Amino acid sequence: MSLESQLTASNLKALAGYAYPRGEAYFRAGNVESVAVLGDGIEGVVIGSERYQVRVSIANGRIVSSCTCPVGVTCKHAVALVLAFLDRSHSAR
């Protein structure tokens, strides 16, 4: 399965819960500074109160994220990064 078929907005929304609306707001505000596809996932920088390094990947069919923010996992920064990736992937078609 491709990364795009596994990293979907609906999968992300189900996983992220309360963080989804906040991450969507970060994405819409342009807080995603960079997105790069790396093997089984994506990495990037999302601007919050600081610049956060975010990684989102697929492991055992599930979305897994890590971030340098205090929350660390399944945070608004990860949501924003995935939405930027999906937007970029959709725009490239």
N, C-alpha and C. Protein backbone atom coordinates (compact mmCIF):
# COMPACT_ATOMS: atom_id res chain seq x y z
N MET A 1 0.84 -1.20 0.00
CA MET A 1 0.00 0.00 0.00
C MET A 1 0.87 1.25 0.00
N SER A 2 0.43 2.23 -0.72
CA SER A 2 1.20 3.47 -0.79
C SER A 2 0.98 4.30 0.48
N LEU A 3 1.92 5.18 0.71
CA LEU A 3 1.83 6.08 1.85
C LEU A 3 0.56 6.92 1.77
N GLU A 4 0.25 7.41 0.56
CA GLU A 4 -0.94 8.25 0.37
C GLU A 4 -2.23 7.50 0.69
N SER A 5 -2.27 6.20 0.41
CA SER A 5 -3.49 5.44 0.67
C SER A 5 -3.67 5.15 2.15
N GLN A 6 -2.59 5.18 2.92
CA GLN A 6 -2.68 4.91 4.35
C GLN A 6 -2.78 6.19 5.19
N LEU A 7 -2.13 7.25 4.74
CA LEU A 7 -2.20 8.53 5.45
C LEU A 7 -3.37 9.32 4.86
N THR A 8 -4.54 9.11 5.41
CA THR A 8 -5.73 9.81 4.91
C THR A 8 -6.27 10.71 6.01
N ALA A 9 -7.04 11.71 5.61
CA ALA A 9 -7.62 12.63 6.58
C ALA A 9 -8.55 11.88 7.53
N SER A 10 -9.32 10.92 7.03
CA SER A 10 -10.23 10.20 7.91
C SER A 10 -9.47 9.32 8.90
N ASN A 11 -8.40 8.64 8.46
CA ASN A 11 -7.58 7.86 9.39
C ASN A 11 -6.95 8.76 10.44
N LEU A 12 -6.47 9.90 9.99
CA LEU A 12 -5.84 10.85 10.90
C LEU A 12 -6.84 11.41 11.91
N LYS A 13 -8.02 11.76 11.44
CA LYS A 13 -9.05 12.31 12.32
C LYS A 13 -9.43 11.30 13.41
N ALA A 14 -9.56 10.04 13.02
CA ALA A 14 -9.91 8.99 13.99
C ALA A 14 -8.81 8.81 15.03
N LEU A 15 -7.56 8.90 14.61
CA LEU A 15 -6.44 8.72 15.53
C LEU A 15 -6.21 9.95 16.42
N ALA A 16 -6.28 11.12 15.83
CA ALA A 16 -5.88 12.35 16.53
C ALA A 16 -6.94 12.88 17.49
N GLY A 17 -8.21 12.59 17.24
CA GLY A 17 -9.26 13.05 18.14
C GLY A 17 -9.25 14.55 18.33
N TYR A 18 -9.13 14.99 19.59
CA TYR A 18 -9.19 16.41 19.92
C TYR A 18 -8.10 17.24 19.26
N ALA A 19 -6.99 16.64 18.89
CA ALA A 19 -5.88 17.38 18.27
C ALA A 19 -6.16 17.73 16.82
N TYR A 20 -7.11 17.04 16.19
CA TYR A 20 -7.37 17.25 14.76
C TYR A 20 -7.77 18.69 14.43
N PRO A 21 -8.78 19.27 15.09
CA PRO A 21 -9.17 20.65 14.72
C PRO A 21 -8.03 21.66 14.93
N ARG A 22 -7.24 21.47 15.96
CA ARG A 22 -6.14 22.40 16.22
C ARG A 22 -5.04 22.24 15.16
N GLY A 23 -4.78 20.99 14.77
CA GLY A 23 -3.79 20.74 13.72
C GLY A 23 -4.25 21.26 12.37
N GLU A 24 -5.55 21.12 12.11
CA GLU A 24 -6.11 21.64 10.86
C GLU A 24 -5.96 23.16 10.81
N ALA A 25 -6.17 23.81 11.95
CA ALA A 25 -6.00 25.27 12.02
C ALA A 25 -4.54 25.65 11.76
N TYR A 26 -3.59 24.89 12.31
CA TYR A 26 -2.17 25.15 12.06
C TYR A 26 -1.86 25.00 10.57
N PHE A 27 -2.39 23.95 9.96
CA PHE A 27 -2.17 23.73 8.52
C PHE A 27 -2.72 24.90 7.72
N ARG A 28 -3.96 25.28 7.99
CA ARG A 28 -4.61 26.36 7.24
C ARG A 28 -3.91 27.70 7.44
N ALA A 29 -3.30 27.89 8.60
CA ALA A 29 -2.58 29.14 8.89
C ALA A 29 -1.19 29.18 8.25
N GLY A 30 -0.78 28.06 7.63
CA GLY A 30 0.52 28.03 6.98
C GLY A 30 1.68 27.75 7.91
N ASN A 31 1.43 27.08 9.02
CA ASN A 31 2.48 26.82 10.01
C ASN A 31 3.40 25.66 9.65
N VAL A 32 3.10 24.94 8.57
CA VAL A 32 3.97 23.84 8.15
C VAL A 32 5.06 24.43 7.28
N GLU A 33 6.28 24.38 7.77
CA GLU A 33 7.42 24.98 7.09
C GLU A 33 8.02 24.05 6.04
N SER A 34 8.03 22.75 6.31
CA SER A 34 8.60 21.81 5.34
C SER A 34 7.97 20.44 5.50
N VAL A 35 7.96 19.69 4.39
CA VAL A 35 7.46 18.31 4.35
C VAL A 35 8.37 17.52 3.43
N ALA A 36 8.85 16.38 3.90
CA ALA A 36 9.68 15.51 3.07
C ALA A 36 9.24 14.07 3.27
N VAL A 37 9.14 13.34 2.16
CA VAL A 37 8.80 11.92 2.23
C VAL A 37 10.09 11.15 2.45
N LEU A 38 10.09 10.29 3.45
CA LEU A 38 11.26 9.48 3.77
C LEU A 38 10.83 8.05 4.00
N GLY A 39 10.97 7.21 3.00
CA GLY A 39 10.65 5.80 3.12
C GLY A 39 9.20 5.55 3.50
N ASP A 40 9.00 5.06 4.71
CA ASP A 40 7.66 4.69 5.17
C ASP A 40 6.91 5.84 5.82
N GLY A 41 7.43 7.06 5.71
CA GLY A 41 6.76 8.17 6.40
C GLY A 41 7.15 9.52 5.85
N ILE A 42 6.79 10.52 6.63
CA ILE A 42 7.10 11.90 6.28
C ILE A 42 7.72 12.59 7.48
N GLU A 43 8.53 13.57 7.20
CA GLU A 43 9.13 14.40 8.25
C GLU A 43 8.97 15.85 7.84
N GLY A 44 8.97 16.71 8.83
CA GLY A 44 8.89 18.13 8.52
C GLY A 44 9.03 18.98 9.75
N VAL A 45 8.89 20.27 9.51
CA VAL A 45 8.96 21.27 10.57
C VAL A 45 7.64 22.01 10.60
N VAL A 46 7.09 22.12 11.80
CA VAL A 46 5.85 22.85 12.00
C VAL A 46 6.11 23.91 13.06
N ILE A 47 5.67 25.13 12.76
CA ILE A 47 5.88 26.25 13.66
C ILE A 47 4.71 26.35 14.64
N GLY A 48 5.05 26.30 15.92
CA GLY A 48 4.08 26.52 16.99
C GLY A 48 4.66 27.63 17.85
N SER A 49 4.72 27.42 19.14
CA SER A 49 5.40 28.40 19.98
C SER A 49 6.91 28.32 19.74
N GLU A 50 7.35 27.21 19.13
CA GLU A 50 8.72 27.01 18.69
C GLU A 50 8.68 26.27 17.35
N ARG A 51 9.84 25.97 16.79
CA ARG A 51 9.93 25.14 15.58
C ARG A 51 10.02 23.69 16.03
N TYR A 52 9.05 22.87 15.62
CA TYR A 52 9.02 21.48 16.05
C TYR A 52 9.33 20.55 14.89
N GLN A 53 10.17 19.57 15.16
CA GLN A 53 10.50 18.51 14.21
C GLN A 53 9.45 17.41 14.39
N VAL A 54 8.81 17.03 13.30
CA VAL A 54 7.72 16.07 13.36
C VAL A 54 8.00 14.92 12.39
N ARG A 55 7.69 13.71 12.81
CA ARG A 55 7.77 12.54 11.94
C ARG A 55 6.48 11.75 12.07
N VAL A 56 5.94 11.36 10.94
CA VAL A 56 4.73 10.54 10.90
C VAL A 56 5.01 9.38 9.96
N SER A 57 4.73 8.16 10.43
CA SER A 57 4.97 6.98 9.60
C SER A 57 3.84 5.98 9.79
N ILE A 58 3.94 4.91 9.03
CA ILE A 58 2.98 3.81 9.12
C ILE A 58 3.73 2.62 9.70
N ALA A 59 3.21 2.07 10.79
CA ALA A 59 3.79 0.88 11.39
C ALA A 59 2.66 -0.10 11.70
N ASN A 60 2.78 -1.30 11.15
CA ASN A 60 1.74 -2.32 11.34
C ASN A 60 0.36 -1.82 10.95
N GLY A 61 0.32 -1.03 9.86
CA GLY A 61 -0.95 -0.53 9.36
C GLY A 61 -1.55 0.63 10.13
N ARG A 62 -0.80 1.17 11.09
CA ARG A 62 -1.29 2.29 11.89
C ARG A 62 -0.42 3.52 11.71
N ILE A 63 -1.03 4.69 11.87
CA ILE A 63 -0.29 5.94 11.82
C ILE A 63 0.41 6.14 13.16
N VAL A 64 1.71 6.39 13.10
CA VAL A 64 2.52 6.61 14.30
C VAL A 64 3.21 7.96 14.13
N SER A 65 3.20 8.78 15.18
CA SER A 65 3.85 10.09 15.06
C SER A 65 4.75 10.36 16.25
N SER A 66 5.72 11.22 16.00
CA SER A 66 6.57 11.73 17.07
C SER A 66 6.86 13.19 16.77
N CYS A 67 7.00 13.96 17.83
CA CYS A 67 7.21 15.41 17.68
C CYS A 67 8.08 15.88 18.82
N THR A 68 8.84 16.94 18.58
CA THR A 68 9.69 17.50 19.63
C THR A 68 8.92 18.43 20.58
N CYS A 69 7.61 18.57 20.37
CA CYS A 69 6.80 19.40 21.27
C CYS A 69 6.59 18.67 22.60
N PRO A 70 6.10 19.36 23.62
CA PRO A 70 5.88 18.71 24.92
C PRO A 70 4.89 17.54 24.87
N VAL A 71 3.93 17.55 23.97
CA VAL A 71 2.98 16.44 23.87
C VAL A 71 3.69 15.20 23.35
N GLY A 72 4.49 15.36 22.30
CA GLY A 72 5.34 14.30 21.81
C GLY A 72 4.75 13.34 20.79
N VAL A 73 3.50 12.95 20.93
CA VAL A 73 2.85 12.02 20.01
C VAL A 73 1.43 12.46 19.72
N THR A 74 0.95 12.13 18.52
CA THR A 74 -0.43 12.41 18.11
C THR A 74 -0.84 13.83 18.50
N CYS A 75 -0.02 14.79 18.13
CA CYS A 75 -0.26 16.19 18.48
C CYS A 75 -0.76 16.98 17.27
N LYS A 76 -1.11 18.23 17.51
CA LYS A 76 -1.59 19.11 16.43
C LYS A 76 -0.53 19.32 15.36
N HIS A 77 0.73 19.27 15.73
CA HIS A 77 1.81 19.45 14.76
C HIS A 77 1.86 18.28 13.78
N ALA A 78 1.65 17.07 14.28
CA ALA A 78 1.60 15.88 13.42
C ALA A 78 0.40 15.97 12.47
N VAL A 79 -0.73 16.41 12.98
CA VAL A 79 -1.93 16.58 12.15
C VAL A 79 -1.64 17.57 11.03
N ALA A 80 -1.06 18.71 11.38
CA ALA A 80 -0.76 19.74 10.39
C ALA A 80 0.19 19.21 9.32
N LEU A 81 1.20 18.44 9.74
CA LEU A 81 2.16 17.89 8.78
C LEU A 81 1.47 16.94 7.81
N VAL A 82 0.63 16.03 8.30
CA VAL A 82 -0.06 15.09 7.42
C VAL A 82 -0.98 15.84 6.47
N LEU A 83 -1.71 16.83 6.96
CA LEU A 83 -2.60 17.60 6.08
C LEU A 83 -1.83 18.32 5.00
N ALA A 84 -0.64 18.84 5.33
CA ALA A 84 0.20 19.49 4.31
C ALA A 84 0.67 18.46 3.29
N PHE A 85 1.05 17.27 3.75
CA PHE A 85 1.45 16.20 2.84
C PHE A 85 0.31 15.82 1.92
N LEU A 86 -0.89 15.64 2.46
CA LEU A 86 -2.05 15.27 1.65
C LEU A 86 -2.38 16.37 0.65
N ASP A 87 -2.29 17.62 1.08
CA ASP A 87 -2.56 18.75 0.18
C ASP A 87 -1.56 18.77 -0.97
N ARG A 88 -0.30 18.57 -0.64
CA ARG A 88 0.76 18.56 -1.66
C ARG A 88 0.56 17.39 -2.61
N SER A 89 0.22 16.20 -2.07
CA SER A 89 0.00 15.02 -2.90
C SER A 89 -1.19 15.22 -3.82
N HIS A 90 -2.23 15.82 -3.31
CA HIS A 90 -3.44 16.06 -4.09
C HIS A 90 -3.17 17.10 -5.19
N SER A 91 -2.39 18.12 -4.87
CA SER A 91 -2.05 19.18 -5.83
C SER A 91 -1.17 18.67 -6.96
N ALA A 92 -0.36 17.63 -6.67
CA ALA A 92 0.57 17.10 -7.67
C ALA A 92 -0.13 16.24 -8.71
N ARG A 93 -1.36 15.86 -8.46
CA ARG A 93 -2.10 14.99 -9.40
C ARG A 93 -2.64 15.75 -10.57
